[in-house]
């Protein structure tokens, strides 16, 4: 009976650690504002940023193309036309990545998935969910939608900031269960 009690205490302790490690934060990046800051991210700790959703780029600046539907990495130039999503929207004079989500002011390759399991750069996600892996530096991170004309944009993108070691704790809990079963 003592062994079972110790196992239960250990299991709850690991579960508590897993839940506390898994807690991150969820941010909304508005297409009409300058951007948002995360909480400071622990130095040396791996994080995954999970971006989801779409927003509409200004109709005024891109009148020739109709309404632009955008996500973290890709743009649909002209919803009214039968055209595919493009990763690099090259009609802008400043940057090909004008409608991407930037991290600390830098353009990054958000990882997309065509099947929901494997994540790779330059892959369009039809569910508009993308990932980016980031190593914490002890400082907050600035996330923004790159667009220099926000006056008549609409919508926002959600970014979840999740510490990566949470998965290790969940695997540890599973390992404890397997060890308990062998006894």
C-alpha atoms as a PDB file:
ATOM      1  CA  UNK A   1       0.000   0.000   0.000  1.00  0.00           C
ATOM      2  CA  UNK A   2       2.920   2.340   0.743  1.00  0.00           C
ATOM      3  CA  UNK A   3       4.308   1.916  -2.781  1.00  0.00           C
ATOM      4  CA  UNK A   4       0.949   2.846  -4.277  1.00  0.00           C
ATOM      5  CA  UNK A   5       0.787   6.014  -2.145  1.00  0.00           C
ATOM      6  CA  UNK A   6       4.284   7.075  -3.202  1.00  0.00           C
ATOM      7  CA  UNK A   7       3.421   6.448  -6.818  1.00  0.00           C
ATOM      8  CA  UNK A   8       0.266   8.567  -6.547  1.00  0.00           C
ATOM      9  CA  UNK A   9       2.177  11.427  -4.899  1.00  0.00           C
ATOM     10  CA  UNK A  10       4.868  11.259  -7.585  1.00  0.00           C
ATOM     11  CA  UNK A  11       2.242  11.138 -10.353  1.00  0.00           C
ATOM     12  CA  UNK A  12       0.445  14.201  -8.991  1.00  0.00           C
ATOM     13  CA  UNK A  13       3.743  16.057  -8.587  1.00  0.00           C
ATOM     14  CA  UNK A  14       4.704  15.347 -12.208  1.00  0.00           C
ATOM     15  CA  UNK A  15       1.209  16.307 -13.389  1.00  0.00           C
ATOM     16  CA  UNK A  16       1.465  19.587 -11.452  1.00  0.00           C
ATOM     17  CA  UNK A  17       4.834  20.329 -13.049  1.00  0.00           C
ATOM     18  CA  UNK A  18       3.472  19.440 -16.496  1.00  0.00           C
ATOM     19  CA  UNK A  19       0.503  21.755 -16.117  1.00  0.00           C
ATOM     20  CA  UNK A  20       2.642  24.599 -14.785  1.00  0.00           C
ATOM     21  CA  UNK A  21       5.167  24.180 -17.602  1.00  0.00           C
ATOM     22  CA  UNK A  22       2.437  23.991 -20.221  1.00  0.00           C
ATOM     23  CA  UNK A  23       0.903  27.274 -19.184  1.00  0.00           C
ATOM     24  CA  UNK A  24       1.891  29.973 -21.582  1.00  0.00           C
ATOM     25  CA  UNK A  25       0.038  33.020 -22.757  1.00  0.00           C
ATOM     26  CA  UNK A  26      -2.362  33.839 -25.550  1.00  0.00           C
ATOM     27  CA  UNK A  27      -2.030  37.143 -27.383  1.00  0.00           C
ATOM     28  CA  UNK A  28      -4.224  38.886 -29.956  1.00  0.00           C
ATOM     29  CA  UNK A  29      -2.352  40.829 -32.629  1.00  0.00           C
ATOM     30  CA  UNK A  30      -4.697  43.388 -34.131  1.00  0.00           C
ATOM     31  CA  UNK A  31      -4.232  44.319 -37.787  1.00  0.00           C
ATOM     32  CA  UNK A  32      -4.957  47.959 -36.897  1.00  0.00           C
ATOM     33  CA  UNK A  33      -2.432  48.337 -34.039  1.00  0.00           C
ATOM     34  CA  UNK A  34       1.355  48.345 -33.892  1.00  0.00           C
ATOM     35  CA  UNK A  35       1.771  44.956 -32.167  1.00  0.00           C
ATOM     36  CA  UNK A  36       1.991  43.272 -28.764  1.00  0.00           C
ATOM     37  CA  UNK A  37       4.674  42.197 -26.285  1.00  0.00           C
ATOM     38  CA  UNK A  38       4.882  38.781 -24.676  1.00  0.00           C
ATOM     39  CA  UNK A  39       5.796  38.405 -21.040  1.00  0.00           C
ATOM     40  CA  UNK A  40       9.567  37.964 -20.582  1.00  0.00           C
ATOM     41  CA  UNK A  41      10.565  34.514 -21.863  1.00  0.00           C
ATOM     42  CA  UNK A  42      12.920  32.496 -19.685  1.00  0.00           C
ATOM     43  CA  UNK A  43      16.500  32.583 -21.011  1.00  0.00           C
ATOM     44  CA  UNK A  44      17.621  29.299 -22.563  1.00  0.00           C
ATOM     45  CA  UNK A  45      14.115  27.822 -22.621  1.00  0.00           C
ATOM     46  CA  UNK A  46      12.553  26.724 -25.917  1.00  0.00           C
ATOM     47  CA  UNK A  47       9.133  28.072 -26.847  1.00  0.00           C
ATOM     48  CA  UNK A  48       6.726  27.466 -29.688  1.00  0.00           C
ATOM     49  CA  UNK A  49       4.630  30.339 -31.008  1.00  0.00           C
ATOM     50  CA  UNK A  50       1.386  29.041 -32.504  1.00  0.00           C
ATOM     51  CA  UNK A  51      -0.297  31.598 -34.768  1.00  0.00           C
ATOM     52  CA  UNK A  52      -3.866  31.106 -35.960  1.00  0.00           C
ATOM     53  CA  UNK A  53      -6.526  33.047 -37.805  1.00  0.00           C
ATOM     54  CA  UNK A  54      -6.827  35.495 -40.679  1.00  0.00           C
ATOM     55  CA  UNK A  55      -7.172  39.244 -41.087  1.00  0.00           C
ATOM     56  CA  UNK A  56      -8.032  41.600 -43.939  1.00  0.00           C
ATOM     57  CA  UNK A  57      -5.433  44.011 -45.299  1.00  0.00           C
ATOM     58  CA  UNK A  58      -6.357  47.546 -46.300  1.00  0.00           C
ATOM     59  CA  UNK A  59      -8.640  47.778 -49.285  1.00  0.00           C
ATOM     60  CA  UNK A  60      -7.623  51.364 -50.076  1.00  0.00           C
ATOM     61  CA  UNK A  61      -3.929  50.765 -50.739  1.00  0.00           C
ATOM     62  CA  UNK A  62      -4.514  47.604 -52.802  1.00  0.00           C
ATOM     63  CA  UNK A  63      -7.624  48.617 -54.761  1.00  0.00           C
ATOM     64  CA  UNK A  64      -6.421  46.898 -57.917  1.00  0.00           C
ATOM     65  CA  UNK A  65      -6.298  43.563 -56.115  1.00  0.00           C
ATOM     66  CA  UNK A  66      -9.556  43.716 -54.147  1.00  0.00           C
ATOM     67  CA  UNK A  67      -9.601  42.643 -50.511  1.00  0.00           C
ATOM     68  CA  UNK A  68      -6.450  40.877 -49.305  1.00  0.00           C
ATOM     69  CA  UNK A  69      -6.997  38.015 -46.872  1.00  0.00           C
ATOM     70  CA  UNK A  70      -3.864  37.296 -44.820  1.00  0.00           C
ATOM     71  CA  UNK A  71      -2.635  34.875 -42.160  1.00  0.00           C
ATOM     72  CA  UNK A  72       0.713  34.597 -40.340  1.00  0.00           C
ATOM     73  CA  UNK A  73       2.679  33.762 -43.493  1.00  0.00           C
ATOM     74  CA  UNK A  74       0.482  33.751 -46.619  1.00  0.00           C
ATOM     75  CA  UNK A  75      -1.743  36.231 -48.515  1.00  0.00           C
ATOM     76  CA  UNK A  76      -4.740  35.700 -50.787  1.00  0.00           C
ATOM     77  CA  UNK A  77      -4.461  38.576 -53.280  1.00  0.00           C
ATOM     78  CA  UNK A  78      -8.002  39.484 -54.259  1.00  0.00           C
ATOM     79  CA  UNK A  79     -10.648  37.349 -52.584  1.00  0.00           C
ATOM     80  CA  UNK A  80     -12.960  38.254 -55.457  1.00  0.00           C
ATOM     81  CA  UNK A  81     -10.654  36.572 -57.966  1.00  0.00           C
ATOM     82  CA  UNK A  82      -9.929  32.916 -58.465  1.00  0.00           C
ATOM     83  CA  UNK A  83      -6.252  33.092 -57.455  1.00  0.00           C
ATOM     84  CA  UNK A  84      -4.165  30.932 -55.080  1.00  0.00           C
ATOM     85  CA  UNK A  85      -2.658  31.963 -51.746  1.00  0.00           C
ATOM     86  CA  UNK A  86       0.887  33.309 -52.127  1.00  0.00           C
ATOM     87  CA  UNK A  87       3.710  33.317 -49.612  1.00  0.00           C
ATOM     88  CA  UNK A  88       5.539  36.334 -51.021  1.00  0.00           C
ATOM     89  CA  UNK A  89       3.290  39.200 -51.945  1.00  0.00           C
ATOM     90  CA  UNK A  90       5.730  40.927 -54.288  1.00  0.00           C
ATOM     91  CA  UNK A  91       3.779  43.999 -55.382  1.00  0.00           C
ATOM     92  CA  UNK A  92       4.917  46.024 -52.351  1.00  0.00           C
ATOM     93  CA  UNK A  93       7.914  48.343 -52.672  1.00  0.00           C
ATOM     94  CA  UNK A  94       9.308  47.708 -49.174  1.00  0.00           C
ATOM     95  CA  UNK A  95       9.178  43.977 -48.540  1.00  0.00           C
ATOM     96  CA  UNK A  96       7.960  40.745 -50.066  1.00  0.00           C
ATOM     97  CA  UNK A  97       6.771  39.629 -46.623  1.00  0.00           C
ATOM     98  CA  UNK A  98       4.657  42.730 -46.017  1.00  0.00           C
ATOM     99  CA  UNK A  99       1.697  40.913 -44.418  1.00  0.00           C
ATOM    100  CA  UNK A 100       3.586  38.397 -42.258  1.00  0.00           C
ATOM    101  CA  UNK A 101       3.765  38.340 -38.473  1.00  0.00           C
ATOM    102  CA  UNK A 102       7.183  39.629 -37.467  1.00  0.00           C
ATOM    103  CA  UNK A 103       9.108  38.663 -34.332  1.00  0.00           C
ATOM    104  CA  UNK A 104      11.156  41.468 -32.767  1.00  0.00           C
ATOM    105  CA  UNK A 105      10.839  43.336 -36.069  1.00  0.00           C
ATOM    106  CA  UNK A 106      12.328  40.481 -38.125  1.00  0.00           C
ATOM    107  CA  UNK A 107      10.621  38.510 -40.849  1.00  0.00           C
ATOM    108  CA  UNK A 108      10.688  34.785 -40.042  1.00  0.00           C
ATOM    109  CA  UNK A 109       9.597  31.628 -41.848  1.00  0.00           C
ATOM    110  CA  UNK A 110       6.510  30.433 -39.998  1.00  0.00           C
ATOM    111  CA  UNK A 111       6.117  26.660 -40.316  1.00  0.00           C
ATOM    112  CA  UNK A 112       2.967  25.449 -42.025  1.00  0.00           C
ATOM    113  CA  UNK A 113       1.390  22.022 -42.207  1.00  0.00           C
ATOM    114  CA  UNK A 114      -0.636  20.416 -44.946  1.00  0.00           C
ATOM    115  CA  UNK A 115      -1.585  17.433 -42.759  1.00  0.00           C
ATOM    116  CA  UNK A 116      -1.560  18.837 -39.190  1.00  0.00           C
ATOM    117  CA  UNK A 117       1.346  16.561 -38.188  1.00  0.00           C
ATOM    118  CA  UNK A 118       4.519  17.708 -39.939  1.00  0.00           C
ATOM    119  CA  UNK A 119       5.540  21.381 -39.833  1.00  0.00           C
ATOM    120  CA  UNK A 120       7.807  22.872 -42.493  1.00  0.00           C
ATOM    121  CA  UNK A 121       8.706  26.305 -43.897  1.00  0.00           C
ATOM    122  CA  UNK A 122       7.046  27.476 -47.132  1.00  0.00           C
ATOM    123  CA  UNK A 123       3.995  25.217 -46.603  1.00  0.00           C
ATOM    124  CA  UNK A 124       0.486  26.722 -46.715  1.00  0.00           C
ATOM    125  CA  UNK A 125      -1.827  25.663 -43.860  1.00  0.00           C
ATOM    126  CA  UNK A 126      -5.437  25.648 -45.032  1.00  0.00           C
ATOM    127  CA  UNK A 127      -6.559  25.895 -41.373  1.00  0.00           C
ATOM    128  CA  UNK A 128      -4.315  29.011 -41.013  1.00  0.00           C
ATOM    129  CA  UNK A 129      -2.332  27.589 -38.084  1.00  0.00           C
ATOM    130  CA  UNK A 130       1.438  28.115 -38.129  1.00  0.00           C
ATOM    131  CA  UNK A 131       4.319  27.488 -35.730  1.00  0.00           C
ATOM    132  CA  UNK A 132       7.621  29.151 -34.992  1.00  0.00           C
ATOM    133  CA  UNK A 133      10.200  27.828 -32.518  1.00  0.00           C
ATOM    134  CA  UNK A 134      11.990  30.428 -30.419  1.00  0.00           C
ATOM    135  CA  UNK A 135      14.669  30.323 -27.703  1.00  0.00           C
ATOM    136  CA  UNK A 136      13.929  32.620 -24.762  1.00  0.00           C
ATOM    137  CA  UNK A 137      16.464  35.302 -23.902  1.00  0.00           C
ATOM    138  CA  UNK A 138      15.043  36.523 -20.596  1.00  0.00           C
ATOM    139  CA  UNK A 139      13.324  39.398 -22.383  1.00  0.00           C
ATOM    140  CA  UNK A 140       9.862  40.027 -23.773  1.00  0.00           C
ATOM    141  CA  UNK A 141       9.285  39.425 -27.491  1.00  0.00           C
ATOM    142  CA  UNK A 142       7.524  41.883 -29.813  1.00  0.00           C
ATOM    143  CA  UNK A 143       4.993  40.373 -32.245  1.00  0.00           C
ATOM    144  CA  UNK A 144       3.390  42.476 -34.978  1.00  0.00           C
ATOM    145  CA  UNK A 145       1.591  42.231 -38.287  1.00  0.00           C
ATOM    146  CA  UNK A 146       3.811  43.813 -40.919  1.00  0.00           C
ATOM    147  CA  UNK A 147       1.737  46.406 -42.744  1.00  0.00           C
ATOM    148  CA  UNK A 148       2.535  50.085 -43.143  1.00  0.00           C
ATOM    149  CA  UNK A 149      -1.061  51.186 -43.864  1.00  0.00           C
ATOM    150  CA  UNK A 150      -3.436  49.998 -41.130  1.00  0.00           C
ATOM    151  CA  UNK A 151      -6.233  52.533 -41.406  1.00  0.00           C
ATOM    152  CA  UNK A 152      -8.874  50.254 -42.889  1.00  0.00           C
ATOM    153  CA  UNK A 153      -7.520  46.812 -41.965  1.00  0.00           C
ATOM    154  CA  UNK A 154      -9.764  44.526 -39.942  1.00  0.00           C
ATOM    155  CA  UNK A 155      -9.379  41.427 -37.820  1.00  0.00           C
ATOM    156  CA  UNK A 156      -6.586  39.938 -35.771  1.00  0.00           C
ATOM    157  CA  UNK A 157      -4.381  36.878 -35.408  1.00  0.00           C
ATOM    158  CA  UNK A 158      -4.045  34.861 -32.203  1.00  0.00           C
ATOM    159  CA  UNK A 159      -0.589  33.769 -31.051  1.00  0.00           C
ATOM    160  CA  UNK A 160      -0.132  31.243 -28.253  1.00  0.00           C
ATOM    161  CA  UNK A 161       3.277  31.281 -26.568  1.00  0.00           C
ATOM    162  CA  UNK A 162       3.909  27.785 -25.190  1.00  0.00           C
ATOM    163  CA  UNK A 163       7.032  26.612 -23.330  1.00  0.00           C
ATOM    164  CA  UNK A 164       8.328  23.481 -25.068  1.00  0.00           C
ATOM    165  CA  UNK A 165       9.510  21.355 -22.082  1.00  0.00           C
ATOM    166  CA  UNK A 166       5.867  20.792 -21.137  1.00  0.00           C
ATOM    167  CA  UNK A 167       5.833  17.773 -23.446  1.00  0.00           C
ATOM    168  CA  UNK A 168       8.768  16.230 -21.581  1.00  0.00           C
ATOM    169  CA  UNK A 169       6.832  16.382 -18.320  1.00  0.00           C
ATOM    170  CA  UNK A 170       3.841  14.680 -19.906  1.00  0.00           C
ATOM    171  CA  UNK A 171       6.122  11.944 -21.252  1.00  0.00           C
ATOM    172  CA  UNK A 172       7.607  11.537 -17.765  1.00  0.00           C
ATOM    173  CA  UNK A 173       4.113  11.044 -16.360  1.00  0.00           C
ATOM    174  CA  UNK A 174       3.489   8.345 -18.962  1.00  0.00           C
ATOM    175  CA  UNK A 175       6.799   6.718 -18.051  1.00  0.00           C
ATOM    176  CA  UNK A 176       5.809   6.610 -14.375  1.00  0.00           C
ATOM    177  CA  UNK A 177       2.569   4.892 -15.317  1.00  0.00           C
ATOM    178  CA  UNK A 178       4.467   2.259 -17.323  1.00  0.00           C
ATOM    179  CA  UNK A 179       6.899   1.646 -14.450  1.00  0.00           C
ATOM    180  CA  UNK A 180       4.002   1.307 -12.015  1.00  0.00           C
ATOM    181  CA  UNK A 181       2.334  -1.204 -14.290  1.00  0.00           C
ATOM    182  CA  UNK A 182       5.436  -3.421 -14.445  1.00  0.00           C
ATOM    183  CA  UNK A 183       5.448  -3.897 -10.664  1.00  0.00           C
END
